[in-house]
Protein backbone atom coordinates (compact mmCIF):
# COMPACT_ATOMS: atom_id res chain seq x y z
CA MET A 1 17.12 -13.31 -2.31
CA ALA A 2 18.74 -10.07 -1.77
CA LEU A 3 17.78 -7.28 0.26
CA TYR A 4 18.82 -3.69 -0.84
CA ALA A 5 18.41 -0.06 0.65
CA VAL A 6 19.04 2.86 -1.45
CA GLY A 7 19.24 6.77 -0.16
CA ASP A 8 16.82 9.47 -1.07
CA LEU A 9 15.71 9.74 -4.66
CA GLN A 10 14.21 13.12 -4.52
CA GLY A 11 13.17 12.92 -8.44
CA CYS A 12 16.17 11.14 -9.39
CA LEU A 13 15.35 8.19 -11.46
CA ASP A 14 18.23 7.65 -13.80
CA PRO A 15 20.62 6.94 -10.92
CA LEU A 16 18.35 4.66 -9.48
CA GLU A 17 18.00 2.57 -12.71
CA ARG A 18 21.78 2.61 -12.92
CA LEU A 19 22.23 1.40 -9.35
CA LEU A 20 19.54 -1.54 -9.84
CA GLU A 21 21.03 -2.37 -13.07
CA ARG A 22 24.64 -2.48 -11.44
CA VAL A 23 23.49 -5.10 -8.77
CA GLY A 24 21.31 -7.13 -10.97
CA PHE A 25 18.10 -6.35 -9.05
CA ASP A 26 15.39 -8.85 -10.11
CA PRO A 27 11.75 -7.63 -8.23
CA ALA A 28 11.01 -11.51 -8.75
CA ARG A 29 13.67 -12.30 -6.46
CA ASP A 30 15.01 -9.21 -4.75
CA HIS A 31 13.49 -6.81 -2.21
CA LEU A 32 14.48 -2.97 -2.28
CA TRP A 33 13.91 -0.39 0.36
CA LEU A 34 13.63 2.91 -0.02
CA VAL A 35 14.30 5.57 3.10
CA GLY A 36 11.30 8.09 1.82
CA ASP A 37 11.82 11.51 0.00
CA LEU A 38 11.00 9.95 -3.16
CA VAL A 39 10.35 13.40 -4.70
CA ASN A 40 11.10 17.15 -5.06
CA ARG A 41 13.98 19.10 -5.88
CA GLY A 42 15.15 16.45 -8.81
CA PRO A 43 13.95 16.36 -12.49
CA ASP A 44 11.35 13.37 -12.27
CA SER A 45 9.26 13.26 -9.22
CA ALA A 46 6.41 11.69 -11.11
CA GLY A 47 8.54 8.88 -12.56
CA CYS A 48 10.17 8.16 -9.44
CA LEU A 49 6.87 7.86 -8.03
CA ARG A 50 5.81 5.45 -10.64
CA ARG A 51 8.65 3.63 -11.03
CA VAL A 52 8.73 2.50 -7.05
CA ARG A 53 4.78 1.90 -7.20
CA SER A 54 5.06 -0.72 -10.28
CA LEU A 55 7.92 -2.98 -8.11
CA GLY A 56 5.13 -3.72 -5.99
CA ALA A 57 5.69 -6.10 -3.26
CA ALA A 58 9.33 -5.99 -4.20
CA ALA A 59 9.89 -2.46 -2.75
CA THR A 60 9.12 -1.06 0.39
CA THR A 61 9.32 2.90 1.23
CA VAL A 62 8.56 4.98 4.17
CA LEU A 63 7.55 8.47 4.14
CA GLY A 64 9.74 11.43 4.48
CA ASN A 65 8.91 15.00 4.70
CA HIS A 66 9.16 16.05 1.09
CA ASP A 67 6.52 13.11 0.50
CA LEU A 68 4.49 14.65 3.03
CA HIS A 69 5.15 18.18 1.42
CA LEU A 70 3.37 16.68 -1.85
CA LEU A 71 0.44 15.61 0.07
CA ALA A 72 -0.21 18.91 1.37
CA ALA A 73 0.59 20.52 -1.86
CA ALA A 74 -1.93 18.41 -3.34
CA ASP A 75 -4.66 19.32 -1.19
CA GLY A 76 -4.06 22.96 -1.50
CA LEU A 77 -2.63 23.37 1.84
CA ARG A 78 0.91 24.59 0.74
CA GLU A 79 1.88 26.41 -2.56
CA PRO A 80 4.88 24.64 -4.10
CA GLY A 81 8.18 26.45 -3.25
CA ARG A 82 10.48 27.89 -5.72
CA ARG A 83 12.91 25.03 -5.44
CA ASP A 84 10.00 22.40 -5.28
CA THR A 85 9.75 20.42 -8.51
CA LEU A 86 6.34 18.59 -7.65
CA ARG A 87 4.14 19.80 -10.74
CA ASP A 88 4.85 16.85 -12.83
CA VAL A 89 2.99 14.61 -10.14
CA LEU A 90 0.06 17.20 -9.45
CA ASP A 91 -0.55 17.68 -13.03
CA ALA A 92 -0.18 13.91 -14.09
CA PRO A 93 -3.38 12.01 -15.49
CA ASP A 94 -2.37 9.62 -12.74
CA ALA A 95 -2.03 11.77 -9.95
CA ALA A 96 -5.08 10.41 -7.77
CA GLU A 97 -3.67 7.18 -7.70
CA LEU A 98 0.23 8.10 -7.28
CA LEU A 99 -1.09 10.42 -4.35
CA GLU A 100 -3.26 7.83 -2.46
CA TRP A 101 -0.33 5.36 -2.96
CA VAL A 102 2.02 7.94 -1.28
CA ALA A 103 -0.23 8.55 1.56
CA THR A 104 -0.69 4.66 2.66
CA ARG A 105 3.12 4.26 3.07
CA PRO A 106 4.31 3.54 6.34
CA LEU A 107 6.69 5.88 8.58
CA LEU A 108 8.45 2.81 9.92
CA HIS A 109 9.03 -0.32 8.74
CA THR A 110 10.84 -3.64 10.54
CA ASP A 111 12.14 -6.69 8.56
CA SER A 112 11.95 -9.49 11.29
CA ALA A 113 14.27 -11.52 9.33
CA SER A 114 17.23 -9.39 8.73
CA GLY A 115 16.65 -7.68 12.33
CA TRP A 116 16.51 -4.11 10.17
CA ASN A 117 14.11 -1.17 10.51
CA LEU A 118 13.55 1.45 7.94
CA VAL A 119 12.62 5.06 8.46
CA HIS A 120 13.40 8.53 6.76
CA ALA A 121 15.17 10.45 9.37
CA GLY A 122 15.62 8.39 12.82
CA ILE A 123 13.86 7.16 15.96
CA PRO A 124 13.57 9.76 18.53
CA PRO A 125 15.85 9.16 21.33
CA ALA A 126 13.34 8.78 24.02
CA TRP A 127 11.49 5.87 22.28
CA ASP A 128 12.13 2.27 22.65
CA ARG A 129 11.35 0.06 19.33
CA GLU A 130 7.70 -0.98 20.73
CA THR A 131 6.85 2.88 21.41
CA ALA A 132 8.17 3.79 17.94
CA ALA A 133 6.09 1.29 16.20
CA ALA A 134 3.07 2.25 18.13
CA GLU A 135 3.47 5.94 17.57
CA ALA A 136 3.71 5.45 13.89
CA ARG A 137 0.62 3.56 13.71
CA ARG A 138 -0.85 6.64 15.08
CA VAL A 139 -0.06 8.67 12.17
CA GLU A 140 -0.55 6.26 9.76
CA ALA A 141 -4.00 5.40 10.64
CA GLU A 142 -4.68 9.42 10.32
CA LEU A 143 -3.16 9.36 6.67
CA ARG A 144 -5.01 6.52 5.38
CA ASP A 145 -7.97 7.74 6.66
CA ARG A 146 -9.15 10.27 4.10
CA ASP A 147 -11.74 12.08 6.06
CA ARG A 148 -8.90 12.77 8.96
CA ARG A 149 -5.79 13.11 6.44
CA ARG A 150 -6.43 16.86 5.46
CA ALA A 151 -6.91 17.91 9.05
CA LEU A 152 -3.39 16.41 9.95
CA LEU A 153 -1.62 18.03 7.06
CA GLU A 154 -2.99 21.14 7.59
CA VAL A 155 -1.46 21.28 11.22
CA MET A 156 1.83 18.92 10.57
CA TYR A 157 4.14 21.89 10.25
CA GLY A 158 5.85 23.42 12.87
CA ASP A 159 8.60 22.70 15.38
CA THR A 160 6.88 22.23 18.51
CA PRO A 161 6.42 20.10 20.40
CA THR A 162 10.26 19.60 20.95
CA ARG A 163 10.12 17.04 23.69
CA TRP A 164 8.63 13.78 24.02
CA ASP A 165 5.75 13.37 26.62
CA PRO A 166 3.66 10.37 26.72
CA THR A 167 0.98 12.81 28.08
CA LEU A 168 1.04 14.68 24.62
CA ALA A 169 -2.51 14.21 23.00
CA GLY A 170 -4.07 15.26 19.82
CA PHE A 171 -2.25 17.04 17.03
CA ASP A 172 0.89 17.79 19.34
CA ARG A 173 1.45 13.90 19.74
CA LEU A 174 1.16 13.22 15.80
CA ARG A 175 3.50 16.62 14.81
CA PHE A 176 6.16 15.20 17.11
CA THR A 177 6.10 11.98 15.90
CA ILE A 178 5.92 13.22 12.00
CA ASN A 179 8.98 15.45 13.02
CA GLY A 180 10.81 12.66 14.63
CA PHE A 181 10.31 10.11 11.93
CA THR A 182 11.08 12.65 8.89
CA ARG A 183 12.97 15.90 10.26
CA MET A 184 14.96 15.04 12.93
CA ARG A 185 18.93 14.97 12.70
CA MET A 186 20.25 16.72 15.78
CA VAL A 187 18.98 16.84 19.46
CA GLY A 188 19.79 18.22 22.57
CA ALA A 189 22.52 16.18 24.42
CA ASP A 190 20.72 16.53 27.65
CA ALA A 191 18.61 13.98 29.09
CA ASP A 192 15.26 15.57 27.43
CA ALA A 193 17.04 14.83 23.81
CA THR A 194 15.31 17.98 22.67
CA LEU A 195 14.37 17.82 18.74
CA GLU A 196 16.34 20.81 16.79
CA PHE A 197 15.54 21.52 13.47
CA ALA A 198 18.29 24.91 12.75
CA SER A 199 21.33 22.36 12.12
CA ASN A 200 21.61 20.55 8.90
CA GLY A 201 25.47 20.44 8.17
CA PRO A 202 27.53 17.84 9.22
CA PRO A 203 27.55 16.75 12.80
CA GLU A 204 31.00 17.84 13.36
CA GLU A 205 30.26 21.29 12.79
CA ALA A 206 26.91 21.41 15.31
CA PRO A 207 27.28 23.17 18.68
CA THR A 208 28.46 20.90 21.14
CA SER A 209 25.48 21.26 23.15
CA LEU A 210 23.80 18.96 20.45
CA VAL A 211 24.52 15.33 19.19
CA PRO A 212 23.04 13.32 16.38
CA TRP A 213 20.08 11.42 17.39
CA PHE A 214 21.93 8.09 16.96
CA ASP A 215 24.62 9.22 19.55
CA HIS A 216 22.26 10.57 21.94
CA PRO A 217 23.44 8.66 25.39
CA GLY A 218 19.81 8.19 26.48
CA ARG A 219 18.86 6.33 23.39
CA ARG A 220 16.29 3.59 24.14
CA SER A 221 16.33 1.74 20.86
CA ARG A 222 20.03 1.46 21.03
CA GLY A 223 20.84 -2.08 19.44
CA THR A 224 18.08 -1.79 17.05
CA PRO A 225 19.65 -1.68 13.75
CA VAL A 226 18.23 1.08 11.61
CA VAL A 227 18.60 2.54 7.96
CA PHE A 228 17.86 5.86 7.23
CA GLY A 229 18.32 8.96 5.19
CA HIS A 230 17.21 12.52 5.12
CA TRP A 231 20.47 14.04 6.03
CA ALA A 232 22.89 14.77 2.93
CA ALA A 233 25.21 16.61 5.13
CA LEU A 234 26.01 13.49 6.94
CA GLY A 235 26.35 11.31 3.72
CA HIS A 236 26.81 7.52 3.83
CA ARG A 237 28.05 6.55 6.88
CA ARG A 238 27.51 3.26 9.38
CA GLY A 239 27.69 3.23 12.88
CA PRO A 240 27.33 -0.04 15.31
CA ASP A 241 23.40 -0.18 14.88
CA TRP A 242 22.59 2.43 12.11
CA LEU A 243 23.22 3.13 8.66
CA ALA A 244 22.82 6.54 6.83
CA LEU A 245 22.27 6.58 3.02
CA ASP A 246 21.35 10.13 2.02
CA SER A 247 24.57 10.82 0.00
CA GLY A 248 22.92 14.13 -1.71
CA CYS A 249 22.29 12.57 -5.17
CA VAL A 250 19.53 15.59 -6.10
CA TRP A 251 23.05 18.05 -5.38
CA GLY A 252 25.20 16.61 -7.81
CA ASN A 253 26.71 13.78 -5.67
CA ALA A 254 26.13 9.89 -5.49
CA MET A 255 23.36 7.87 -4.79
CA SER A 256 24.00 5.28 -2.53
CA LEU A 257 22.72 1.67 -2.28
CA ALA A 258 23.47 -1.02 0.36
CA ARG A 259 22.79 -4.74 0.65
CA LEU A 260 21.30 -5.60 3.71
CA ASP A 261 20.96 -9.29 3.92
CA GLY A 262 24.12 -10.40 5.78
CA ALA A 263 26.28 -10.23 8.96
CA THR A 264 27.26 -6.40 7.90
CA PRO A 265 25.99 -4.02 5.21
CA GLN A 266 27.57 -4.27 1.86
CA THR A 267 27.72 -1.03 -0.24
CA ALA A 268 27.03 -1.47 -3.92
CA PRO A 269 29.47 0.21 -6.23
CA VAL A 270 28.24 4.07 -6.55
CA GLU A 271 28.09 5.69 -9.82
CA ARG A 272 27.93 9.35 -9.63
CA VAL A 273 25.37 10.62 -12.08
CA THR A 274 24.68 14.27 -11.65
CA CYS A 275 20.50 14.95 -10.86
CA PRO A 276 21.16 18.73 -10.17
CA ALA A 277 17.92 20.63 -9.06
CA THR A 278 15.88 22.16 -11.24
C-alpha cells in the first residue's frame, strides 16, 4: 500500500489523472490525500469532485477556501465571481449529492500509521496538535448539520479575529478556525502570531515583520508532520516537519504529488500539463 498526497486541483482533472497513471495508483491497494481546493478557476470542477468521490475510502480530502466558497455560492450567500468556475457544479444533475459530500469533508485529517497530518493552508502557530483537532471538530460539526451550516457560511467571510484567544466564542471562534485552516500563509513574527492575509507571494518577498506560519518561532505544533497546499507562490517545498504541494497547476504550472509512506517524502515525477483558468 502506498500513501500519496497531491496539491490543489482547482478544477484541473486531467493533470491528476496523468499523475495517478504515472505512479500506477490502485484504489484497491493505495490511498490518496488531497489538500483541498478541489474546485474553482480550472475547467472541470464537477469532474474533480466526481472523480475524488468515486474513489471512496481510497481518497481523503480536506476542505479548502474554494470548497467552502462553493458551498456558500450554492446556498445563494455569494454570487460566483468573474474568475469563478463553479457553474458546472451548481448546475449539475447530481449537484445535491456533490455539495453534501463536500460539506462533510474534514478540515484536518491525521494518519496515526504514518504520523502525517493533512490540512489545506496550515495549523495556526498558537495551537498544538490537540487544540487543532478540537477546533477542527467544532467547525466540522457546524457544517455537517444542515440547519446550522447556512448560518456559518453566511458569516465565515472576513479577516477577524486575527489572534487566537481560547476565550473566543461563537462565530468569531469558528471564523478564526476556518481562516487558519484554509486561508493562512504569513503570520506576525511576534508572540501573537497574528494572521495576515494580504501577502500571498513568495515568503522571501514578504515584509520582515511577517514569517510563514510554519517558521514562527513559537509554533506549538512543531514536530507534527503536516502536508498542505493553498500557497501557489510558495510552490512545492519541504521543511523539517512540513510539505507544501500547491505548485500552481491551475496557472499553467505543474501539479505535484508526493509519496508519504517512508522515511522521507518521495516526490513523483511531475508532468507539466497546462490547466488554464477560464
